[in-house]
Amino acid sequence: GDSPFGDRDWRSVNSWFCSEFVIYCLEQAKFFP
């Protein structure tokens, strides 16, 4: 549910979860139109 650590930004480049890392790489590379 809501993260107990406050607002979490899944795009933060400080640390990663696997699926967020993949979508971030695709998004930054302009894969999505």
Full PDB file with SEQRES, HELIX, SHEET, SSBOND, CRYST1, ORIGX, SCALE, CONECT and MASTER records, all heavy atoms in Angstrom:
SEQRES   1 A   33  GLY ASP SER PRO PHE GLY ASP ARG ASP TRP ARG SER VAL          
SEQRES   2 A   33  ASN SER TRP PHE CYS SER GLU PHE VAL ILE TYR CYS LEU          
SEQRES   3 A   33  GLU GLN ALA LYS PHE PHE PRO                                  
HELIX    1 AA1 CYS A   18  GLN A   28  1                                  11    
CRYST1    1.000    1.000    1.000  90.00  90.00  90.00 P 1           1          
ORIGX1      1.000000  0.000000  0.000000        0.00000                         
ORIGX2      0.000000  1.000000  0.000000        0.00000                         
ORIGX3      0.000000  0.000000  1.000000        0.00000                         
SCALE1      1.000000  0.000000  0.000000        0.00000                         
SCALE2      0.000000  1.000000  0.000000        0.00000                         
SCALE3      0.000000  0.000000  1.000000        0.00000                         
ATOM      1  N   GLY A   1       0.865  -1.190   0.000  1.00  0.00           N  
ATOM      2  CA  GLY A   1       0.000   0.000   0.000  1.00  0.00           C  
ATOM      3  C   GLY A   1       0.888   1.220   0.000  1.00  0.00           C  
ATOM      4  O   GLY A   1       1.919   1.234  -0.643  1.00  0.00           O  
ATOM      5  N   ASP A   2       0.522   2.211   0.738  1.00  0.00           N  
ATOM      6  CA  ASP A   2       1.348   3.408   0.824  1.00  0.00           C  
ATOM      7  C   ASP A   2       2.628   3.074   1.571  1.00  0.00           C  
ATOM      8  O   ASP A   2       2.621   2.402   2.591  1.00  0.00           O  
ATOM      9  CB  ASP A   2       0.601   4.527   1.552  1.00  0.00           C  
ATOM     10  CG  ASP A   2      -0.588   5.028   0.744  1.00  0.00           C  
ATOM     11  OD1 ASP A   2      -0.526   4.921  -0.492  1.00  0.00           O  
ATOM     12  OD2 ASP A   2      -1.556   5.500   1.344  1.00  0.00           O  
ATOM     13  N   SER A   3       3.732   3.564   1.061  1.00  0.00           N  
ATOM     14  CA  SER A   3       5.026   3.290   1.668  1.00  0.00           C  
ATOM     15  C   SER A   3       5.133   3.936   3.047  1.00  0.00           C  
ATOM     16  O   SER A   3       4.796   5.102   3.208  1.00  0.00           O  
ATOM     17  CB  SER A   3       6.136   3.840   0.759  1.00  0.00           C  
ATOM     18  OG  SER A   3       7.380   3.716   1.388  1.00  0.00           O  
ATOM     19  N   PRO A   4       5.604   3.186   4.054  1.00  0.00           N  
ATOM     20  CA  PRO A   4       5.776   3.774   5.388  1.00  0.00           C  
ATOM     21  C   PRO A   4       6.950   4.745   5.438  1.00  0.00           C  
ATOM     22  O   PRO A   4       7.165   5.405   6.437  1.00  0.00           O  
ATOM     23  CB  PRO A   4       6.024   2.552   6.275  1.00  0.00           C  
ATOM     24  CG  PRO A   4       6.609   1.535   5.370  1.00  0.00           C  
ATOM     25  CD  PRO A   4       5.959   1.779   4.017  1.00  0.00           C  
ATOM     26  N   PHE A   5       7.702   4.828   4.342  1.00  0.00           N  
ATOM     27  CA  PHE A   5       8.866   5.700   4.296  1.00  0.00           C  
ATOM     28  C   PHE A   5       8.542   7.053   3.682  1.00  0.00           C  
ATOM     29  O   PHE A   5       9.413   7.783   3.247  1.00  0.00           O  
ATOM     30  CB  PHE A   5      10.003   5.028   3.525  1.00  0.00           C  
ATOM     31  CG  PHE A   5      10.372   3.692   4.101  1.00  0.00           C  
ATOM     32  CD1 PHE A   5      10.088   2.521   3.420  1.00  0.00           C  
ATOM     33  CD2 PHE A   5      10.978   3.600   5.344  1.00  0.00           C  
ATOM     34  CE1 PHE A   5      10.417   1.290   3.956  1.00  0.00           C  
ATOM     35  CE2 PHE A   5      11.309   2.369   5.890  1.00  0.00           C  
ATOM     36  CZ  PHE A   5      11.018   1.225   5.192  1.00  0.00           C  
ATOM     37  N   GLY A   6       7.269   7.418   3.629  1.00  0.00           N  
ATOM     38  CA  GLY A   6       6.872   8.695   3.043  1.00  0.00           C  
ATOM     39  C   GLY A   6       6.708   8.576   1.551  1.00  0.00           C  
ATOM     40  O   GLY A   6       6.557   7.496   1.006  1.00  0.00           O  
ATOM     41  N   ASP A   7       6.730   9.705   0.897  1.00  0.00           N  
ATOM     42  CA  ASP A   7       6.588   9.693  -0.555  1.00  0.00           C  
ATOM     43  C   ASP A   7       7.799   9.011  -1.184  1.00  0.00           C  
ATOM     44  O   ASP A   7       8.934   9.381  -0.927  1.00  0.00           O  
ATOM     45  CB  ASP A   7       6.456  11.129  -1.083  1.00  0.00           C  
ATOM     46  CG  ASP A   7       5.142  11.767  -0.678  1.00  0.00           C  
ATOM     47  OD1 ASP A   7       4.153  11.025  -0.518  1.00  0.00           O  
ATOM     48  OD2 ASP A   7       5.113  12.992  -0.517  1.00  0.00           O  
ATOM     49  N   ARG A   8       7.530   8.052  -2.013  1.00  0.00           N  
ATOM     50  CA  ARG A   8       8.582   7.293  -2.690  1.00  0.00           C  
ATOM     51  C   ARG A   8       8.501   7.596  -4.173  1.00  0.00           C  
ATOM     52  O   ARG A   8       7.433   7.557  -4.751  1.00  0.00           O  
ATOM     53  CB  ARG A   8       8.361   5.803  -2.440  1.00  0.00           C  
ATOM     54  CG  ARG A   8       9.401   4.942  -3.077  1.00  0.00           C  
ATOM     55  CD  ARG A   8       9.178   3.461  -2.718  1.00  0.00           C  
ATOM     56  NE  ARG A   8      10.120   2.686  -3.483  1.00  0.00           N  
ATOM     57  CZ  ARG A   8       9.917   2.284  -4.733  1.00  0.00           C  
ATOM     58  NH1 ARG A   8       8.784   2.535  -5.345  1.00  0.00           N  
ATOM     59  NH2 ARG A   8      10.839   1.610  -5.381  1.00  0.00           N  
ATOM     60  N   ASP A   9       9.627   7.895  -4.776  1.00  0.00           N  
ATOM     61  CA  ASP A   9       9.698   8.160  -6.213  1.00  0.00           C  
ATOM     62  C   ASP A   9      10.353   6.961  -6.877  1.00  0.00           C  
ATOM     63  O   ASP A   9      11.551   6.741  -6.718  1.00  0.00           O  
ATOM     64  CB  ASP A   9      10.503   9.432  -6.476  1.00  0.00           C  
ATOM     65  CG  ASP A   9      10.633   9.758  -7.949  1.00  0.00           C  
ATOM     66  OD1 ASP A   9      10.025   9.064  -8.795  1.00  0.00           O  
ATOM     67  OD2 ASP A   9      11.355  10.723  -8.261  1.00  0.00           O  
ATOM     68  N   TRP A  10       9.564   6.178  -7.615  1.00  0.00           N  
ATOM     69  CA  TRP A  10      10.124   4.974  -8.237  1.00  0.00           C  
ATOM     70  C   TRP A  10      11.155   5.309  -9.314  1.00  0.00           C  
ATOM     71  O   TRP A  10      11.924   4.443  -9.714  1.00  0.00           O  
ATOM     72  CB  TRP A  10       9.020   4.068  -8.789  1.00  0.00           C  
ATOM     73  CG  TRP A  10       8.276   4.605  -9.978  1.00  0.00           C  
ATOM     74  CD1 TRP A  10       7.111   5.299  -9.962  1.00  0.00           C  
ATOM     75  CD2 TRP A  10       8.654   4.491 -11.346  1.00  0.00           C  
ATOM     76  NE1 TRP A  10       6.740   5.627 -11.239  1.00  0.00           N  
ATOM     77  CE2 TRP A  10       7.679   5.138 -12.118  1.00  0.00           C  
ATOM     78  CE3 TRP A  10       9.730   3.901 -12.006  1.00  0.00           C  
ATOM     79  CZ2 TRP A  10       7.735   5.213 -13.500  1.00  0.00           C  
ATOM     80  CZ3 TRP A  10       9.794   3.982 -13.393  1.00  0.00           C  
ATOM     81  CH2 TRP A  10       8.803   4.632 -14.125  1.00  0.00           C  
ATOM     82  N   ARG A  11      11.211   6.543  -9.760  1.00  0.00           N  
ATOM     83  CA  ARG A  11      12.203   6.956 -10.753  1.00  0.00           C  
ATOM     84  C   ARG A  11      13.508   7.435 -10.123  1.00  0.00           C  
ATOM     85  O   ARG A  11      14.428   7.807 -10.837  1.00  0.00           O  
ATOM     86  CB  ARG A  11      11.630   8.068 -11.627  1.00  0.00           C  
ATOM     87  CG  ARG A  11      10.542   7.623 -12.584  1.00  0.00           C  
ATOM     88  CD  ARG A  11      10.035   8.813 -13.383  1.00  0.00           C  
ATOM     89  NE  ARG A  11       9.091   8.441 -14.395  1.00  0.00           N  
ATOM     90  CZ  ARG A  11       7.778   8.570 -14.280  1.00  0.00           C  
ATOM     91  NH1 ARG A  11       7.250   9.050 -13.166  1.00  0.00           N  
ATOM     92  NH2 ARG A  11       6.987   8.225 -15.272  1.00  0.00           N  
ATOM     93  N   SER A  12      13.600   7.435  -8.818  1.00  0.00           N  
ATOM     94  CA  SER A  12      14.821   7.882  -8.152  1.00  0.00           C  
ATOM     95  C   SER A  12      15.999   7.008  -8.581  1.00  0.00           C  
ATOM     96  O   SER A  12      15.907   5.780  -8.558  1.00  0.00           O  
ATOM     97  CB  SER A  12      14.662   7.808  -6.634  1.00  0.00           C  
ATOM     98  OG  SER A  12      15.900   8.039  -6.007  1.00  0.00           O  
ATOM     99  N   VAL A  13      17.100   7.626  -8.941  1.00  0.00           N  
ATOM    100  CA  VAL A  13      18.262   6.875  -9.407  1.00  0.00           C  
ATOM    101  C   VAL A  13      19.200   6.484  -8.261  1.00  0.00           C  
ATOM    102  O   VAL A  13      20.312   6.021  -8.509  1.00  0.00           O  
ATOM    103  CB  VAL A  13      19.045   7.662 -10.491  1.00  0.00           C  
ATOM    104  CG1 VAL A  13      18.199   7.854 -11.730  1.00  0.00           C  
ATOM    105  CG2 VAL A  13      19.548   8.979  -9.951  1.00  0.00           C  
ATOM    106  N   ASN A  14      18.759   6.635  -7.017  1.00  0.00           N  
ATOM    107  CA  ASN A  14      19.599   6.273  -5.868  1.00  0.00           C  
ATOM    108  C   ASN A  14      19.604   4.772  -5.600  1.00  0.00           C  
ATOM    109  O   ASN A  14      20.596   4.228  -5.114  1.00  0.00           O  
ATOM    110  CB  ASN A  14      19.135   7.021  -4.615  1.00  0.00           C  
ATOM    111  CG  ASN A  14      19.306   8.510  -4.775  1.00  0.00           C  
ATOM    112  OD1 ASN A  14      20.258   8.970  -5.389  1.00  0.00           O  
ATOM    113  ND2 ASN A  14      18.371   9.268  -4.240  1.00  0.00           N  
ATOM    114  N   SER A  15      18.501   4.096  -5.873  1.00  0.00           N  
ATOM    115  CA  SER A  15      18.388   2.651  -5.687  1.00  0.00           C  
ATOM    116  C   SER A  15      17.227   2.156  -6.550  1.00  0.00           C  
ATOM    117  O   SER A  15      16.374   2.943  -6.953  1.00  0.00           O  
ATOM    118  CB  SER A  15      18.168   2.304  -4.214  1.00  0.00           C  
ATOM    119  OG  SER A  15      16.978   2.895  -3.745  1.00  0.00           O  
ATOM    120  N   TRP A  16      17.211   0.839  -6.810  1.00  0.00           N  
ATOM    121  CA  TRP A  16      16.252   0.312  -7.779  1.00  0.00           C  
ATOM    122  C   TRP A  16      15.570  -0.963  -7.330  1.00  0.00           C  
ATOM    123  O   TRP A  16      16.146  -1.778  -6.612  1.00  0.00           O  
ATOM    124  CB  TRP A  16      16.948   0.017  -9.109  1.00  0.00           C  
ATOM    125  CG  TRP A  16      17.386   1.244  -9.810  1.00  0.00           C  
ATOM    126  CD1 TRP A  16      18.681   1.694  -9.943  1.00  0.00           C  
ATOM    127  CD2 TRP A  16      16.558   2.209 -10.445  1.00  0.00           C  
ATOM    128  NE1 TRP A  16      18.677   2.872 -10.632  1.00  0.00           N  
ATOM    129  CE2 TRP A  16      17.384   3.217 -10.959  1.00  0.00           C  
ATOM    130  CE3 TRP A  16      15.181   2.319 -10.638  1.00  0.00           C  
ATOM    131  CZ2 TRP A  16      16.893   4.308 -11.646  1.00  0.00           C  
ATOM    132  CZ3 TRP A  16      14.687   3.407 -11.323  1.00  0.00           C  
ATOM    133  CH2 TRP A  16      15.553   4.386 -11.823  1.00  0.00           C  
ATOM    134  N   PHE A  17      14.352  -1.152  -7.831  1.00  0.00           N  
ATOM    135  CA  PHE A  17      13.638  -2.430  -7.834  1.00  0.00           C  
ATOM    136  C   PHE A  17      13.621  -2.864  -9.296  1.00  0.00           C  
ATOM    137  O   PHE A  17      13.542  -2.022 -10.195  1.00  0.00           O  
ATOM    138  CB  PHE A  17      12.216  -2.257  -7.272  1.00  0.00           C  
ATOM    139  CG  PHE A  17      11.488  -3.548  -7.145  1.00  0.00           C  
ATOM    140  CD1 PHE A  17      11.801  -4.430  -6.136  1.00  0.00           C  
ATOM    141  CD2 PHE A  17      10.504  -3.899  -8.060  1.00  0.00           C  
ATOM    142  CE1 PHE A  17      11.139  -5.654  -6.022  1.00  0.00           C  
ATOM    143  CE2 PHE A  17       9.838  -5.107  -7.960  1.00  0.00           C  
ATOM    144  CZ  PHE A  17      10.163  -5.983  -6.938  1.00  0.00           C  
ATOM    145  N   CYS A  18      13.673  -4.155  -9.572  1.00  0.00           N  
ATOM    146  CA  CYS A  18      13.908  -4.660 -10.929  1.00  0.00           C  
ATOM    147  C   CYS A  18      12.981  -4.092 -11.997  1.00  0.00           C  
ATOM    148  O   CYS A  18      13.438  -3.617 -13.041  1.00  0.00           O  
ATOM    149  CB  CYS A  18      13.870  -6.180 -10.942  1.00  0.00           C  
ATOM    150  SG  CYS A  18      12.267  -6.909 -10.516  1.00  0.00           S  
ATOM    151  N   SER A  19      11.685  -4.145 -11.788  1.00  0.00           N  
ATOM    152  CA  SER A  19      10.743  -3.700 -12.826  1.00  0.00           C  
ATOM    153  C   SER A  19      10.787  -2.186 -13.000  1.00  0.00           C  
ATOM    154  O   SER A  19      10.622  -1.672 -14.112  1.00  0.00           O  
ATOM    155  CB  SER A  19       9.325  -4.174 -12.522  1.00  0.00           C  
ATOM    156  OG  SER A  19       8.989  -3.948 -11.176  1.00  0.00           O  
ATOM    157  N   GLU A  20      11.055  -1.469 -11.911  1.00  0.00           N  
ATOM    158  CA  GLU A  20      11.171  -0.004 -12.003  1.00  0.00           C  
ATOM    159  C   GLU A  20      12.426   0.384 -12.786  1.00  0.00           C  
ATOM    160  O   GLU A  20      12.398   1.317 -13.595  1.00  0.00           O  
ATOM    161  CB  GLU A  20      11.191   0.590 -10.595  1.00  0.00           C  
ATOM    162  CG  GLU A  20       9.892   0.350  -9.877  1.00  0.00           C  
ATOM    163  CD  GLU A  20       9.892   0.701  -8.402  1.00  0.00           C  
ATOM    164  OE1 GLU A  20      10.977   0.871  -7.808  1.00  0.00           O  
ATOM    165  OE2 GLU A  20       8.787   0.817  -7.850  1.00  0.00           O  
ATOM    166  N   PHE A  21      13.498  -0.362 -12.579  1.00  0.00           N  
ATOM    167  CA  PHE A  21      14.744  -0.133 -13.318  1.00  0.00           C  
ATOM    168  C   PHE A  21      14.510  -0.308 -14.821  1.00  0.00           C  
ATOM    169  O   PHE A  21      14.912   0.529 -15.623  1.00  0.00           O  
ATOM    170  CB  PHE A  21      15.816  -1.117 -12.815  1.00  0.00           C  
ATOM    171  CG  PHE A  21      17.043  -1.181 -13.662  1.00  0.00           C  
ATOM    172  CD1 PHE A  21      18.010  -0.188 -13.585  1.00  0.00           C  
ATOM    173  CD2 PHE A  21      17.245  -2.241 -14.531  1.00  0.00           C  
ATOM    174  CE1 PHE A  21      19.153  -0.253 -14.367  1.00  0.00           C  
ATOM    175  CE2 PHE A  21      18.377  -2.321 -15.315  1.00  0.00           C  
ATOM    176  CZ  PHE A  21      19.342  -1.320 -15.233  1.00  0.00           C  
ATOM    177  N   VAL A  22      13.827  -1.382 -15.202  1.00  0.00           N  
ATOM    178  CA  VAL A  22      13.579  -1.656 -16.623  1.00  0.00           C  
ATOM    179  C   VAL A  22      12.711  -0.558 -17.240  1.00  0.00           C  
ATOM    180  O   VAL A  22      13.040  -0.023 -18.313  1.00  0.00           O  
ATOM    181  CB  VAL A  22      12.939  -3.055 -16.813  1.00  0.00           C  
ATOM    182  CG1 VAL A  22      12.428  -3.238 -18.236  1.00  0.00           C  
ATOM    183  CG2 VAL A  22      13.939  -4.141 -16.445  1.00  0.00           C  
ATOM    184  N   ILE A  23      11.627  -0.188 -16.583  1.00  0.00           N  
ATOM    185  CA  ILE A  23      10.741   0.847 -17.136  1.00  0.00           C  
ATOM    186  C   ILE A  23      11.455   2.190 -17.187  1.00  0.00           C  
ATOM    187  O   ILE A  23      11.314   2.944 -18.159  1.00  0.00           O  
ATOM    188  CB  ILE A  23       9.416   0.930 -16.341  1.00  0.00           C  
ATOM    189  CG1 ILE A  23       8.617  -0.372 -16.512  1.00  0.00           C  
ATOM    190  CG2 ILE A  23       8.582   2.132 -16.767  1.00  0.00           C  
ATOM    191  CD1 ILE A  23       8.235  -0.718 -17.952  1.00  0.00           C  
ATOM    192  N   TYR A  24      12.259   2.507 -16.180  1.00  0.00           N  
ATOM    193  CA  TYR A  24      13.040   3.748 -16.197  1.00  0.00           C  
ATOM    194  C   TYR A  24      13.967   3.776 -17.418  1.00  0.00           C  
ATOM    195  O   TYR A  24      14.041   4.784 -18.131  1.00  0.00           O  
ATOM    196  CB  TYR A  24      13.856   3.872 -14.905  1.00  0.00           C  
ATOM    197  CG  TYR A  24      14.827   5.024 -14.926  1.00  0.00           C  
ATOM    198  CD1 TYR A  24      14.412   6.307 -14.575  1.00  0.00           C  
ATOM    199  CD2 TYR A  24      16.155   4.843 -15.289  1.00  0.00           C  
ATOM    200  CE1 TYR A  24      15.302   7.375 -14.592  1.00  0.00           C  
ATOM    201  CE2 TYR A  24      17.047   5.901 -15.310  1.00  0.00           C  
ATOM    202  CZ  TYR A  24      16.620   7.163 -14.966  1.00  0.00           C  
ATOM    203  OH  TYR A  24      17.502   8.211 -14.992  1.00  0.00           O  
ATOM    204  N   CYS A  25      14.697   2.695 -17.661  1.00  0.00           N  
ATOM    205  CA  CYS A  25      15.610   2.645 -18.808  1.00  0.00           C  
ATOM    206  C   CYS A  25      14.847   2.835 -20.119  1.00  0.00           C  
ATOM    207  O   CYS A  25      15.296   3.585 -21.001  1.00  0.00           O  
ATOM    208  CB  CYS A  25      16.381   1.324 -18.827  1.00  0.00           C  
ATOM    209  SG  CYS A  25      17.570   1.124 -17.497  1.00  0.00           S  
ATOM    210  N   LEU A  26      13.705   2.171 -20.250  1.00  0.00           N  
ATOM    211  CA  LEU A  26      12.887   2.318 -21.458  1.00  0.00           C  
ATOM    212  C   LEU A  26      12.369   3.748 -21.604  1.00  0.00           C  
ATOM    213  O   LEU A  26      12.406   4.326 -22.698  1.00  0.00           O  
ATOM    214  CB  LEU A  26      11.711   1.342 -21.416  1.00  0.00           C  
ATOM    215  CG  LEU A  26      12.064  -0.135 -21.570  1.00  0.00           C  
ATOM    216  CD1 LEU A  26      10.889  -1.010 -21.150  1.00  0.00           C  
ATOM    217  CD2 LEU A  26      12.485  -0.441 -22.992  1.00  0.00           C  
ATOM    218  N   GLU A  27      11.898   4.308 -20.514  1.00  0.00           N  
ATOM    219  CA  GLU A  27      11.351   5.667 -20.536  1.00  0.00           C  
ATOM    220  C   GLU A  27      12.436   6.688 -20.899  1.00  0.00           C  
ATOM    221  O   GLU A  27      12.217   7.558 -21.753  1.00  0.00           O  
ATOM    222  CB  GLU A  27      10.740   5.987 -19.176  1.00  0.00           C  
ATOM    223  CG  GLU A  27      10.052   7.332 -19.103  1.00  0.00           C  
ATOM    224  CD  GLU A  27       9.438   7.580 -17.737  1.00  0.00           C  
ATOM    225  OE1 GLU A  27      10.100   7.334 -16.707  1.00  0.00           O  
ATOM    226  OE2 GLU A  27       8.281   8.030 -17.711  1.00  0.00           O  
ATOM    227  N   GLN A  28      13.599   6.578 -20.285  1.00  0.00           N  
ATOM    228  CA  GLN A  28      14.685   7.526 -20.552  1.00  0.00           C  
ATOM    229  C   GLN A  28      15.206   7.417 -21.988  1.00  0.00           C  
ATOM    230  O   GLN A  28      15.665   8.400 -22.551  1.00  0.00           O  
ATOM    231  CB  GLN A  28      15.837   7.310 -19.555  1.00  0.00           C  
ATOM    232  CG  GLN A  28      15.483   7.664 -18.129  1.00  0.00           C  
ATOM    233  CD  GLN A  28      15.084   9.115 -17.982  1.00  0.00           C  
ATOM    234  OE1 GLN A  28      15.836  10.016 -18.333  1.00  0.00           O  
ATOM    235  NE2 GLN A  28      13.880   9.349 -17.480  1.00  0.00           N  
ATOM    236  N   ALA A  29      15.132   6.225 -22.563  1.00  0.00           N  
ATOM    237  CA  ALA A  29      15.593   5.994 -23.942  1.00  0.00           C  
ATOM    238  C   ALA A  29      14.539   6.382 -24.975  1.00  0.00           C  
ATOM    239  O   ALA A  29      14.754   6.217 -26.166  1.00  0.00           O  
ATOM    240  CB  ALA A  29      15.984   4.534 -24.122  1.00  0.00           C  
ATOM    241  N   LYS A  30      13.397   6.890 -24.515  1.00  0.00           N  
ATOM    242  CA  LYS A  30      12.288   7.308 -25.389  1.00  0.00           C  
ATOM    243  C   LYS A  30      11.680   6.132 -26.151  1.00  0.00           C  
ATOM    244  O   LYS A  30      11.242   6.266 -27.291  1.00  0.00           O  
ATOM    245  CB  LYS A  30      12.750   8.389 -26.381  1.00  0.00           C  
ATOM    246  CG  LYS A  30      13.434   9.582 -25.731  1.00  0.00           C  
ATOM    247  CD  LYS A  30      12.454  10.484 -25.068  1.00  0.00           C  
ATOM    248  CE  LYS A  30      13.107  11.774 -24.632  1.00  0.00           C  
ATOM    249  NZ  LYS A  30      13.110  12.029 -23.229  1.00  0.00           N  
ATOM    250  N   PHE A  31      11.666   4.960 -25.505  1.00  0.00           N  
ATOM    251  CA  PHE A  31      11.012   3.795 -26.107  1.00  0.00           C  
ATOM    252  C   PHE A  31       9.514   4.030 -26.236  1.00  0.00           C  
ATOM    253  O   PHE A  31       8.923   3.725 -27.265  1.00  0.00           O  
ATOM    254  CB  PHE A  31      11.282   2.542 -25.250  1.00  0.00           C  
ATOM    255  CG  PHE A  31      10.493   1.349 -25.684  1.00  0.00           C  
ATOM    256  CD1 PHE A  31      10.904   0.585 -26.763  1.00  0.00           C  
ATOM    257  CD2 PHE A  31       9.320   0.986 -25.033  1.00  0.00           C  
ATOM    258  CE1 PHE A  31      10.165  -0.518 -27.188  1.00  0.00           C  
ATOM    259  CE2 PHE A  31       8.571  -0.111 -25.439  1.00  0.00           C  
ATOM    260  CZ  PHE A  31       9.001  -0.861 -26.523  1.00  0.00           C  
ATOM    261  N   PHE A  32       8.912   4.541 -25.176  1.00  0.00           N  
ATOM    262  CA  PHE A  32       7.472   4.783 -25.190  1.00  0.00           C  
ATOM    263  C   PHE A  32       7.170   6.035 -26.013  1.00  0.00           C  
ATOM    264  O   PHE A  32       7.835   7.052 -25.851  1.00  0.00           O  
ATOM    265  CB  PHE A  32       6.933   4.959 -23.764  1.00  0.00           C  
ATOM    266  CG  PHE A  32       7.116   3.746 -22.904  1.00  0.00           C  
ATOM    267  CD1 PHE A  32       8.108   3.708 -21.940  1.00  0.00           C  
ATOM    268  CD2 PHE A  32       6.305   2.631 -23.072  1.00  0.00           C  
ATOM    269  CE1 PHE A  32       8.286   2.594 -21.146  1.00  0.00           C  
ATOM    270  CE2 PHE A  32       6.476   1.502 -22.282  1.00  0.00           C  
ATOM    271  CZ  PHE A  32       7.476   1.480 -21.321  1.00  0.00           C  
ATOM    272  N   PRO A  33       6.164   5.983 -26.880  1.00  0.00           N  
ATOM    273  CA  PRO A  33       5.842   7.141 -27.721  1.00  0.00           C  
ATOM    274  C   PRO A  33       5.018   8.201 -26.991  1.00  0.00           C  
ATOM    275  O   PRO A  33       4.515   9.124 -27.615  1.00  0.00           O  
ATOM    276  CB  PRO A  33       5.049   6.520 -28.876  1.00  0.00           C  
ATOM    277  CG  PRO A  33       4.415   5.312 -28.290  1.00  0.00           C  
ATOM    278  CD  PRO A  33       5.370   4.799 -27.247  1.00  0.00           C  
TER     279      PRO A  33                                                      
MASTER        0    0    0    1    0    0    0    6  278    1    0    3          
END                                                                             
